[in-house]
Amino acid sequence: MKHSAPRGRQLKRLAVLSAAAVVIGLLTAPTSGSAQAPAAAQDTPPGVDEIASTPNLKQVAYLPKTGPFATSVNSDWAFKGKYAFSGNYNGFTVIDISNPKAPVQAAQLLCPGSQNDISISGNLLFLGTDSQRTNDSCVNDPSTTAAPGERWEGIKIFDISDPLTPVYLKSVKTDCGSHTQTLVPGKRHDPNVYLYISSYNLAGVDQPNCALPHDKISIVQVPKRNPTAATVVNAPVLFPDGGYPGTPGHSATTGCHDITAYAEKDLAAGACMGDGVLFDISVRTAPRIITSVRDEVNFSFWHSATFNNSGTKVVFTDELGGGGAATCNPEIGPERGADGIYDIVGHGKKRKLEFRSYFKIPRTNTQFENCVAHNGSLIPVPGRDIMVQAWYQGGISVFDFTNSRKPKEIAYWERGPLSATQAVTGGSWSAYWYNGYIFSNDIAKGVDVLELKDIRVALAKFYKTDVFNAQTQDNFLKW
């Protein structure tokens, strides 16, 4: 049954729509050359810890790492309501972002087990462990020949009904652990959520719990009303032919590194080391490959994927150097360690991924800065394809790929190197848009909050969501 909104809400809605109409008019009206110009490349890289940025992207808050996380690597994000959940190889931090310009550390949960990738569904938080541990508790050590323990790795499930006191509910062991994870909501009337567990053999030789070939993913089914009954329900072999065998400088496919799901469209995009893959996920427990692509010239390691909002494009990233190398320089060039932008063409089973262009930040970093394409998300701008992305010590870039063949940067923010004399790993692991701000998880420093003031993204301020997982894309026009 449809109910009329209270008068106050109607007036507020009219005010928002009126403001949006004004902004749309500005966006579609002729603009000055400076408003449409791409972000300029600086002539000289900033000095140690020096900040450089375009005028439209500014840091509004910084929260340093503390306690047992201060010397450990910050990793990925998930968001719920007024809280950000910041992953770290030693656990996760709960940050109160009710005022994004003054974030406050609200809680920490010590639970070692890299990478500690995070996803959230309702009151459940899923934490990925991708290093063999002596047990499945949060009091564990790396499992070695000297301390073999249980050799556990996989998924931990927490109840975050009270975000400040997470309660550990259940563990699910998976082959090769969980390097990354993708939360996939069940279809209508399905009482479950699903986790697509991406992992791969890091050693290149058979290991306990991680035998080669590992050309599969694990699918964990989680009953929403009884999460302690979570279990692996399928481990489909995605590459029965072995996938890309690899060549010098180009990784072989031995599983997937990351998968992004667009559940509304029954699609997923997999960055599978040597292959870029488009999946049909209409049957959640049995993803089917529609098509795949390879780039045997420029892509070294297919790392992650992002759809545009209409589900007609995919941005794949190439993590050349594994995130630890300096690749943002003239020697490497603009087409390696970059994004690859692909259009999805055709329909149904005949859909194909067609390459359109590369995008890489147009700045030169120092030889001591690890810099390569990494994790990002869409900015919810109707009618445009605009993305914010982390580039490790290359900083944070905002680029427009509405024209797949001619992507252009419209904003950037970065710190200078951690050291002027030696390579030190750091920089932004993940930079995501959440309810009007960009949140960056810096490997070495902590949390940066940025505000983007640009007419081209002004409409994004009107879009709010209560839960955000970057690898679980939603149609923002329905938020």
Protein backbone atom coordinates (compact mmCIF):
# COMPACT_ATOMS: atom_id res chain seq x y z
CA MET A 1 0.00 0.00 0.00
CA LYS A 2 1.30 3.43 -0.94
CA HIS A 3 1.22 6.18 1.68
CA SER A 4 1.67 9.89 1.13
CA ALA A 5 4.81 11.38 2.68
CA PRO A 6 4.34 13.85 5.53
CA ARG A 7 4.23 17.45 4.37
CA GLY A 8 7.64 18.27 5.86
CA ARG A 9 9.24 15.36 4.03
CA GLN A 10 7.49 16.38 0.79
CA LEU A 11 8.85 19.90 1.09
CA LYS A 12 12.33 18.58 1.80
CA ARG A 13 12.11 16.26 -1.19
CA LEU A 14 10.96 19.14 -3.42
CA ALA A 15 13.84 21.25 -2.20
CA VAL A 16 16.31 18.48 -2.99
CA LEU A 17 14.81 17.90 -6.43
CA SER A 18 14.83 21.62 -7.17
CA ALA A 19 18.47 21.83 -6.19
CA ALA A 20 19.24 18.78 -8.29
CA ALA A 21 17.49 20.36 -11.27
CA VAL A 22 19.64 23.46 -10.92
CA VAL A 23 22.79 21.34 -10.79
CA ILE A 24 21.69 19.29 -13.81
CA GLY A 25 21.20 22.52 -15.70
CA LEU A 26 24.70 23.63 -14.78
CA LEU A 27 26.15 20.26 -15.75
CA THR A 28 24.55 20.32 -19.17
CA ALA A 29 25.17 24.00 -19.87
CA PRO A 30 28.34 25.19 -21.66
CA THR A 31 31.21 25.55 -19.22
CA SER A 32 34.53 27.28 -19.25
CA GLY A 33 37.61 25.44 -20.44
CA SER A 34 39.02 25.31 -16.94
CA ALA A 35 35.95 23.51 -15.61
CA GLN A 36 36.41 20.67 -18.09
CA ALA A 37 40.21 20.50 -18.10
CA PRO A 38 41.83 17.33 -16.78
CA ALA A 39 43.92 17.49 -13.67
CA ALA A 40 47.40 18.71 -14.50
CA ALA A 41 50.52 16.69 -13.83
CA GLN A 42 52.96 18.37 -11.48
CA ASP A 43 56.48 18.99 -12.80
CA THR A 44 58.22 17.82 -9.63
CA PRO A 45 57.01 15.11 -7.23
CA PRO A 46 56.20 16.41 -3.74
CA GLY A 47 58.75 15.93 -0.99
CA VAL A 48 58.54 13.51 1.92
CA ASP A 49 55.03 13.69 3.42
CA GLU A 50 54.32 16.84 1.42
CA ILE A 51 50.75 17.00 0.11
CA ALA A 52 49.92 17.92 -3.47
CA SER A 53 46.46 18.08 -5.00
CA THR A 54 44.15 19.76 -7.43
CA PRO A 55 42.13 22.64 -5.93
CA ASN A 56 38.89 20.64 -6.09
CA LEU A 57 40.06 17.75 -3.86
CA LYS A 58 41.11 18.50 -0.31
CA GLN A 59 41.89 16.53 2.81
CA VAL A 60 39.38 17.37 5.55
CA ALA A 61 40.46 14.86 8.20
CA TYR A 62 43.25 12.46 9.14
CA LEU A 63 43.21 9.69 11.75
CA PRO A 64 46.53 7.93 12.41
CA LYS A 65 46.91 4.22 13.09
CA THR A 66 47.17 3.34 16.76
CA GLY A 67 47.83 0.48 19.16
CA PRO A 68 48.62 -2.97 17.76
CA PHE A 69 47.74 -1.76 14.26
CA ALA A 70 50.32 1.02 14.18
CA THR A 71 53.05 -1.20 12.72
CA SER A 72 50.75 -3.43 10.64
CA VAL A 73 49.35 -2.93 7.13
CA ASN A 74 46.00 -1.18 6.64
CA SER A 75 43.88 -2.87 3.96
CA ASP A 76 40.28 -2.68 2.71
CA TRP A 77 37.08 -0.96 3.88
CA ALA A 78 33.41 -1.59 4.48
CA PHE A 79 30.81 0.89 5.77
CA LYS A 80 27.58 0.73 7.71
CA GLY A 81 25.59 3.74 8.83
CA LYS A 82 27.81 6.12 10.76
CA TYR A 83 30.65 3.62 11.06
CA ALA A 84 33.59 2.77 8.82
CA PHE A 85 35.26 -0.60 9.34
CA SER A 86 38.94 -0.33 8.48
CA GLY A 87 40.75 -3.58 7.75
CA ASN A 88 44.28 -4.18 8.97
CA TYR A 89 46.47 -7.29 8.84
CA ASN A 90 46.07 -7.47 12.63
CA GLY A 91 42.25 -7.08 12.72
CA PHE A 92 39.95 -4.14 12.14
CA THR A 93 39.16 -0.71 13.53
CA VAL A 94 35.65 0.70 13.95
CA ILE A 95 35.59 4.43 13.18
CA ASP A 96 32.72 6.77 13.97
CA ILE A 97 32.27 8.93 10.87
CA SER A 98 29.03 10.64 11.90
CA ASN A 99 31.05 13.81 11.34
CA PRO A 100 33.33 12.89 8.42
CA LYS A 101 35.49 15.94 9.12
CA ALA A 102 36.20 14.69 12.64
CA PRO A 103 36.36 10.86 12.57
CA VAL A 104 36.82 9.13 15.91
CA GLN A 105 38.27 5.70 16.60
CA ALA A 106 35.44 3.91 18.38
CA ALA A 107 36.76 0.36 18.79
CA GLN A 108 39.49 -2.04 17.70
CA LEU A 109 39.35 -5.80 17.35
CA LEU A 110 42.67 -7.60 17.42
CA CYS A 111 42.44 -10.65 15.15
CA PRO A 112 45.65 -11.33 13.17
CA GLY A 113 45.30 -12.89 9.73
CA SER A 114 46.11 -10.98 6.54
CA GLN A 115 44.54 -9.41 4.59
CA ASN A 116 41.50 -9.11 6.81
CA ASP A 117 39.29 -8.10 3.90
CA ILE A 118 35.84 -6.97 5.15
CA SER A 119 32.25 -7.25 3.91
CA ILE A 120 29.04 -6.35 5.74
CA SER A 121 25.45 -7.58 5.39
CA GLY A 122 22.88 -6.40 7.93
CA ASN A 123 24.37 -7.08 11.36
CA LEU A 124 26.97 -9.52 10.04
CA LEU A 125 30.59 -8.69 9.31
CA PHE A 126 32.77 -11.11 7.33
CA LEU A 127 36.54 -11.07 7.78
CA GLY A 128 38.87 -12.83 5.35
CA THR A 129 42.04 -14.64 6.46
CA ASP A 130 44.66 -15.39 3.82
CA SER A 131 47.58 -16.66 5.82
CA GLN A 132 47.77 -20.08 7.42
CA ARG A 133 47.17 -19.72 11.14
CA THR A 134 47.58 -22.07 14.10
CA ASN A 135 43.81 -21.96 14.75
CA ASP A 136 40.61 -20.18 13.74
CA SER A 137 40.34 -17.95 16.81
CA CYS A 138 41.49 -14.34 17.10
CA VAL A 139 44.33 -15.51 19.34
CA ASN A 140 46.59 -17.22 16.84
CA ASP A 141 50.02 -17.28 15.26
CA PRO A 142 51.27 -17.95 11.75
CA SER A 143 51.32 -21.70 11.18
CA THR A 144 54.87 -22.87 10.43
CA THR A 145 56.80 -26.11 10.57
CA ALA A 146 57.88 -25.04 14.03
CA ALA A 147 54.29 -24.28 15.07
CA PRO A 148 52.07 -26.20 12.65
CA GLY A 149 48.85 -25.85 14.60
CA GLU A 150 45.63 -26.40 12.63
CA ARG A 151 46.81 -24.55 9.50
CA TRP A 152 43.55 -22.66 9.33
CA GLU A 153 42.56 -19.93 6.88
CA GLY A 154 39.21 -18.80 5.53
CA ILE A 155 36.30 -16.62 6.70
CA LYS A 156 35.35 -15.41 10.18
CA ILE A 157 31.81 -14.16 10.86
CA PHE A 158 31.01 -11.50 13.47
CA ASP A 159 27.77 -10.08 14.83
CA ILE A 160 27.99 -6.28 14.78
CA SER A 161 24.52 -5.52 16.18
CA ASP A 162 26.56 -3.34 18.50
CA PRO A 163 29.38 -2.14 16.23
CA LEU A 164 31.51 -1.26 19.24
CA THR A 165 31.52 -4.82 20.60
CA PRO A 166 31.72 -7.26 17.67
CA VAL A 167 30.90 -10.84 18.65
CA TYR A 168 32.71 -13.71 16.91
CA LEU A 169 30.12 -16.24 15.71
CA LYS A 170 31.62 -18.73 13.27
CA SER A 171 34.55 -19.66 11.05
CA VAL A 172 34.47 -21.32 7.64
CA LYS A 173 37.67 -22.90 6.32
CA THR A 174 38.30 -22.45 2.58
CA ASP A 175 40.96 -23.76 0.22
CA CYS A 176 43.85 -21.28 -0.02
CA GLY A 177 42.09 -19.02 2.49
CA SER A 178 40.36 -15.79 1.54
CA HIS A 179 42.58 -13.25 -0.16
CA THR A 180 39.50 -11.24 -1.05
CA GLN A 181 35.78 -11.85 -0.69
CA THR A 182 32.67 -10.65 -2.47
CA LEU A 183 29.31 -10.48 -0.76
CA VAL A 184 26.48 -11.47 -3.12
CA PRO A 185 22.89 -11.01 -1.90
CA GLY A 186 20.50 -13.85 -2.58
CA LYS A 187 17.73 -13.39 -5.09
CA ARG A 188 14.18 -12.57 -4.05
CA HIS A 189 12.87 -14.84 -1.25
CA ASP A 190 16.33 -16.42 -0.85
CA PRO A 191 17.05 -16.43 2.92
CA ASN A 192 20.83 -16.49 2.36
CA VAL A 193 23.70 -14.26 1.41
CA TYR A 194 26.71 -15.66 -0.40
CA LEU A 195 30.42 -15.03 -0.28
CA TYR A 196 32.54 -15.60 -3.36
CA ILE A 197 35.96 -16.35 -1.94
CA SER A 198 38.87 -15.41 -4.19
CA SER A 199 42.24 -16.85 -3.34
CA TYR A 200 45.30 -18.21 -5.05
CA ASN A 201 48.44 -20.15 -4.31
CA LEU A 202 50.97 -17.56 -3.22
CA ALA A 203 53.92 -19.95 -3.20
CA GLY A 204 53.56 -21.56 -6.62
CA VAL A 205 53.97 -25.05 -5.13
CA ASP A 206 51.55 -27.36 -3.33
CA GLN A 207 50.88 -26.29 0.24
CA PRO A 208 48.70 -27.67 3.02
CA ASN A 209 45.15 -26.46 2.32
CA CYS A 210 46.25 -25.03 -1.04
CA ALA A 211 47.06 -27.60 -3.67
CA LEU A 212 47.76 -26.74 -7.31
CA PRO A 213 46.09 -26.19 -9.66
CA HIS A 214 43.79 -23.83 -7.79
CA ASP A 215 41.55 -22.79 -10.68
CA LYS A 216 38.45 -22.27 -8.59
CA ILE A 217 36.65 -20.12 -6.06
CA SER A 218 34.84 -21.16 -2.89
CA ILE A 219 31.20 -20.18 -2.40
CA VAL A 220 30.07 -19.80 1.21
CA GLN A 221 26.34 -19.79 1.88
CA VAL A 222 25.31 -17.84 4.97
CA PRO A 223 21.72 -18.18 6.26
CA LYS A 224 20.81 -14.67 7.38
CA ARG A 225 18.76 -15.94 10.31
CA ASN A 226 21.26 -18.58 11.35
CA PRO A 227 24.74 -17.44 10.36
CA THR A 228 26.40 -20.14 12.47
CA ALA A 229 25.17 -22.61 9.84
CA ALA A 230 27.36 -20.98 7.18
CA THR A 231 29.22 -23.49 5.02
CA VAL A 232 30.98 -23.93 1.69
CA VAL A 233 28.28 -25.09 -0.74
CA ASN A 234 30.32 -25.14 -3.94
CA ALA A 235 33.86 -24.72 -5.17
CA PRO A 236 33.42 -24.41 -8.94
CA VAL A 237 36.44 -24.86 -11.17
CA LEU A 238 36.30 -21.75 -13.32
CA PHE A 239 39.19 -22.62 -15.60
CA PRO A 240 39.00 -26.33 -16.47
CA ASP A 241 41.51 -25.72 -19.26
CA GLY A 242 43.96 -24.24 -16.74
CA GLY A 243 43.40 -20.61 -17.70
CA TYR A 244 46.21 -18.40 -18.92
CA PRO A 245 49.50 -20.29 -18.49
CA GLY A 246 51.50 -17.11 -18.00
CA THR A 247 54.64 -15.74 -19.62
CA PRO A 248 57.60 -13.79 -18.20
CA GLY A 249 56.13 -10.63 -16.69
CA HIS A 250 52.54 -11.88 -16.96
CA SER A 251 50.90 -13.94 -14.21
CA ALA A 252 49.37 -17.34 -14.83
CA THR A 253 45.75 -17.86 -13.82
CA THR A 254 45.59 -20.01 -10.68
CA GLY A 255 42.30 -18.72 -9.33
CA CYS A 256 40.90 -15.19 -9.03
CA HIS A 257 42.31 -12.26 -7.15
CA ASP A 258 39.07 -10.34 -6.84
CA ILE A 259 35.46 -10.47 -8.04
CA THR A 260 32.92 -7.65 -8.15
CA ALA A 261 29.23 -8.56 -8.25
CA TYR A 262 26.39 -6.49 -9.70
CA ALA A 263 23.57 -8.63 -8.31
CA GLU A 264 20.69 -6.64 -9.79
CA LYS A 265 22.01 -7.44 -13.26
CA ASP A 266 23.07 -11.02 -12.40
CA LEU A 267 26.62 -10.12 -13.44
CA ALA A 268 30.05 -10.37 -11.89
CA ALA A 269 33.45 -9.31 -13.16
CA GLY A 270 36.48 -11.32 -12.13
CA ALA A 271 40.07 -10.15 -12.10
CA CYS A 272 41.68 -13.55 -12.27
CA MET A 273 45.42 -12.92 -12.41
CA GLY A 274 45.91 -13.76 -16.10
CA ASP A 275 42.29 -13.37 -17.24
CA GLY A 276 39.56 -10.75 -17.08
CA VAL A 277 36.24 -12.55 -16.78
CA LEU A 278 32.54 -11.71 -17.09
CA PHE A 279 30.22 -14.06 -15.17
CA ASP A 280 26.52 -14.82 -15.21
CA ILE A 281 25.53 -15.17 -11.53
CA SER A 282 21.79 -15.67 -12.02
CA VAL A 283 22.32 -18.95 -10.12
CA ARG A 284 24.25 -17.64 -7.13
CA THR A 285 25.87 -20.96 -6.27
CA ALA A 286 26.89 -21.73 -9.86
CA PRO A 287 28.51 -18.72 -11.58
CA ARG A 288 29.01 -19.29 -15.28
CA ILE A 289 31.66 -17.66 -17.46
CA ILE A 290 30.11 -15.62 -20.26
CA THR A 291 33.37 -14.42 -21.76
CA SER A 292 36.97 -13.68 -20.83
CA VAL A 293 39.80 -11.52 -22.15
CA ARG A 294 43.58 -11.35 -21.89
CA ASP A 295 46.12 -8.61 -22.40
CA GLU A 296 49.41 -10.34 -23.08
CA VAL A 297 51.19 -7.08 -23.89
CA ASN A 298 50.52 -4.72 -21.00
CA PHE A 299 48.60 -6.41 -18.17
CA SER A 300 50.77 -8.28 -15.68
CA PHE A 301 48.28 -9.17 -12.92
CA TRP A 302 44.50 -8.69 -13.26
CA HIS A 303 43.73 -7.38 -9.78
CA SER A 304 40.24 -5.89 -9.41
CA ALA A 305 37.16 -4.80 -11.34
CA THR A 306 34.49 -2.09 -11.22
CA PHE A 307 31.29 -1.84 -13.29
CA ASN A 308 29.79 1.44 -14.37
CA ASN A 309 26.30 2.00 -13.00
CA SER A 310 24.51 0.87 -16.16
CA GLY A 311 26.50 -2.38 -16.20
CA THR A 312 27.80 -1.75 -19.70
CA LYS A 313 31.49 -1.24 -18.87
CA VAL A 314 34.14 -2.75 -16.63
CA VAL A 315 37.30 -1.08 -15.36
CA PHE A 316 39.93 -3.74 -14.66
CA THR A 317 43.16 -2.90 -12.81
CA ASP A 318 46.65 -4.24 -13.37
CA GLU A 319 48.67 -4.58 -10.18
CA LEU A 320 52.04 -4.65 -11.89
CA GLY A 321 54.75 -5.35 -9.33
CA GLY A 322 52.28 -6.70 -6.78
CA GLY A 323 51.80 -3.32 -5.15
CA GLY A 324 55.39 -3.07 -3.96
CA ALA A 325 57.10 -1.54 -6.99
CA ALA A 326 57.57 1.96 -8.40
CA THR A 327 55.69 1.79 -11.70
CA CYS A 328 54.38 5.36 -12.10
CA ASN A 329 57.30 6.64 -14.11
CA PRO A 330 58.34 7.16 -17.76
CA GLU A 331 60.31 3.89 -17.81
CA ILE A 332 57.15 1.84 -17.19
CA GLY A 333 54.95 4.14 -19.24
CA PRO A 334 51.21 4.92 -19.30
CA GLU A 335 49.88 1.49 -20.35
CA ARG A 336 51.38 -0.84 -17.74
CA GLY A 337 50.24 -0.90 -14.11
CA ALA A 338 47.15 0.92 -15.38
CA ASP A 339 43.40 0.51 -15.65
CA GLY A 340 41.98 -1.25 -18.68
CA ILE A 341 38.54 0.03 -19.67
CA TYR A 342 36.28 -2.46 -21.46
CA ASP A 343 32.81 -2.12 -22.93
CA ILE A 344 30.35 -5.01 -22.58
CA VAL A 345 28.88 -5.52 -26.04
CA GLY A 346 26.21 -7.91 -27.29
CA HIS A 347 23.44 -9.60 -25.36
CA GLY A 348 22.91 -12.71 -23.26
CA LYS A 349 25.35 -15.53 -23.88
CA LYS A 350 26.91 -13.57 -26.76
CA ARG A 351 28.19 -10.71 -24.60
CA LYS A 352 31.85 -9.85 -25.07
CA LEU A 353 34.38 -7.58 -23.37
CA GLU A 354 35.90 -5.17 -25.89
CA PHE A 355 38.96 -3.13 -24.95
CA ARG A 356 38.62 0.64 -25.31
CA SER A 357 41.52 2.36 -23.52
CA TYR A 358 43.98 2.51 -20.65
CA PHE A 359 43.97 5.01 -17.82
CA LYS A 360 46.94 5.76 -15.59
CA ILE A 361 47.67 8.73 -13.36
CA PRO A 362 49.55 11.36 -15.40
CA ARG A 363 52.20 12.05 -12.77
CA THR A 364 55.71 10.81 -12.19
CA ASN A 365 56.47 9.40 -8.76
CA THR A 366 59.91 8.94 -7.26
CA GLN A 367 61.83 5.68 -7.52
CA PHE A 368 61.05 5.03 -3.83
CA GLU A 369 57.23 5.14 -4.11
CA ASN A 370 55.22 1.98 -4.72
CA CYS A 371 52.56 3.09 -7.18
CA VAL A 372 50.13 1.08 -9.31
CA ALA A 373 46.40 0.83 -10.02
CA HIS A 374 44.50 -0.42 -6.96
CA ASN A 375 41.07 -0.33 -5.29
CA GLY A 376 38.39 2.25 -6.06
CA SER A 377 34.66 2.78 -6.50
CA LEU A 378 32.12 4.70 -8.55
CA ILE A 379 31.01 8.17 -7.56
CA PRO A 380 27.20 8.25 -7.93
CA VAL A 381 26.74 10.80 -10.71
CA PRO A 382 23.68 10.21 -12.90
CA GLY A 383 24.52 9.98 -16.58
CA ARG A 384 28.29 9.97 -16.02
CA ASP A 385 30.88 7.27 -15.32
CA ILE A 386 33.20 8.74 -12.70
CA MET A 387 35.42 6.76 -10.37
CA VAL A 388 37.72 7.42 -7.43
CA GLN A 389 40.72 5.13 -7.12
CA ALA A 390 43.70 4.40 -4.88
CA TRP A 391 47.19 4.22 -6.39
CA TYR A 392 49.23 3.41 -3.27
CA GLN A 393 51.87 6.17 -2.98
CA GLY A 394 50.58 7.55 -6.28
CA GLY A 395 47.75 8.87 -4.13
CA ILE A 396 44.07 9.16 -4.98
CA SER A 397 42.73 9.92 -8.43
CA VAL A 398 39.25 10.83 -9.68
CA PHE A 399 38.66 10.16 -13.37
CA ASP A 400 35.79 10.28 -15.84
CA PHE A 401 35.43 7.33 -18.21
CA THR A 402 32.04 8.23 -19.67
CA ASN A 403 33.83 8.15 -23.01
CA SER A 404 35.45 4.73 -22.73
CA ARG A 405 38.02 5.64 -25.35
CA LYS A 406 39.11 8.89 -23.72
CA PRO A 407 39.18 8.70 -19.90
CA LYS A 408 40.38 11.85 -18.20
CA GLU A 409 41.46 12.69 -14.69
CA ILE A 410 39.48 15.45 -13.01
CA ALA A 411 41.09 15.51 -9.56
CA TYR A 412 43.94 14.05 -7.52
CA TRP A 413 45.43 14.13 -4.04
CA GLU A 414 48.70 12.60 -2.87
CA ARG A 415 51.39 12.64 -0.23
CA GLY A 416 55.02 12.65 -1.10
CA PRO A 417 57.13 9.54 -0.46
CA LEU A 418 57.62 8.02 2.96
CA SER A 419 61.36 8.21 2.39
CA ALA A 420 63.65 10.17 0.08
CA THR A 421 66.45 7.59 0.27
CA GLN A 422 64.90 4.10 0.25
CA ALA A 423 61.79 2.25 -0.85
CA VAL A 424 59.16 2.06 1.92
CA THR A 425 55.76 0.52 1.15
CA GLY A 426 52.79 2.73 1.85
CA GLY A 427 50.06 4.83 0.30
CA SER A 428 46.34 4.41 -0.26
CA TRP A 429 45.17 0.78 -0.40
CA SER A 430 41.50 1.60 -0.96
CA ALA A 431 39.81 4.90 -1.74
CA TYR A 432 35.99 4.79 -1.80
CA TRP A 433 33.14 7.27 -2.04
CA TYR A 434 30.68 6.94 0.84
CA ASN A 435 27.82 9.35 1.42
CA GLY A 436 29.49 12.46 0.11
CA TYR A 437 33.13 11.94 1.08
CA ILE A 438 36.13 9.93 -0.07
CA PHE A 439 37.64 7.65 2.56
CA SER A 440 41.18 6.38 2.01
CA ASN A 441 42.86 3.61 4.01
CA ASP A 442 46.56 4.37 3.92
CA ILE A 443 48.80 1.34 4.41
CA ALA A 444 51.30 3.11 6.62
CA LYS A 445 49.63 6.30 7.83
CA GLY A 446 46.02 5.64 8.72
CA VAL A 447 42.74 7.12 7.49
CA ASP A 448 42.36 10.13 5.22
CA VAL A 449 39.01 11.78 4.53
CA LEU A 450 38.77 13.90 1.40
CA GLU A 451 36.10 16.23 0.07
CA LEU A 452 35.60 16.65 -3.67
CA LYS A 453 34.07 19.99 -4.64
CA ASP A 454 33.45 19.88 -8.36
CA ILE A 455 30.32 20.74 -10.33
CA ARG A 456 30.73 17.53 -12.33
CA VAL A 457 30.04 15.42 -9.24
CA ALA A 458 27.71 17.77 -7.36
CA LEU A 459 24.72 15.46 -7.73
CA ALA A 460 26.55 12.68 -5.89
CA LYS A 461 25.93 14.50 -2.60
CA PHE A 462 22.22 13.64 -2.89
CA TYR A 463 22.82 9.87 -2.84
CA LYS A 464 22.97 8.11 0.52
CA THR A 465 23.26 4.46 1.40
CA ASP A 466 23.35 2.64 4.72
CA VAL A 467 25.77 -0.17 3.82
CA PHE A 468 28.63 -0.05 1.34
CA ASN A 469 30.86 -2.88 0.14
CA ALA A 470 32.89 -1.83 -2.90
CA GLN A 471 32.83 -5.34 -4.39
CA THR A 472 29.03 -5.52 -4.12
CA GLN A 473 27.79 -2.94 -6.56
CA ASP A 474 24.26 -1.55 -6.34
CA ASN A 475 22.33 0.59 -8.76
CA PHE A 476 22.81 3.98 -7.13
CA LEU A 477 19.82 5.39 -9.00
CA LYS A 478 17.67 3.21 -6.70
CA TRP A 479 19.28 4.28 -3.44
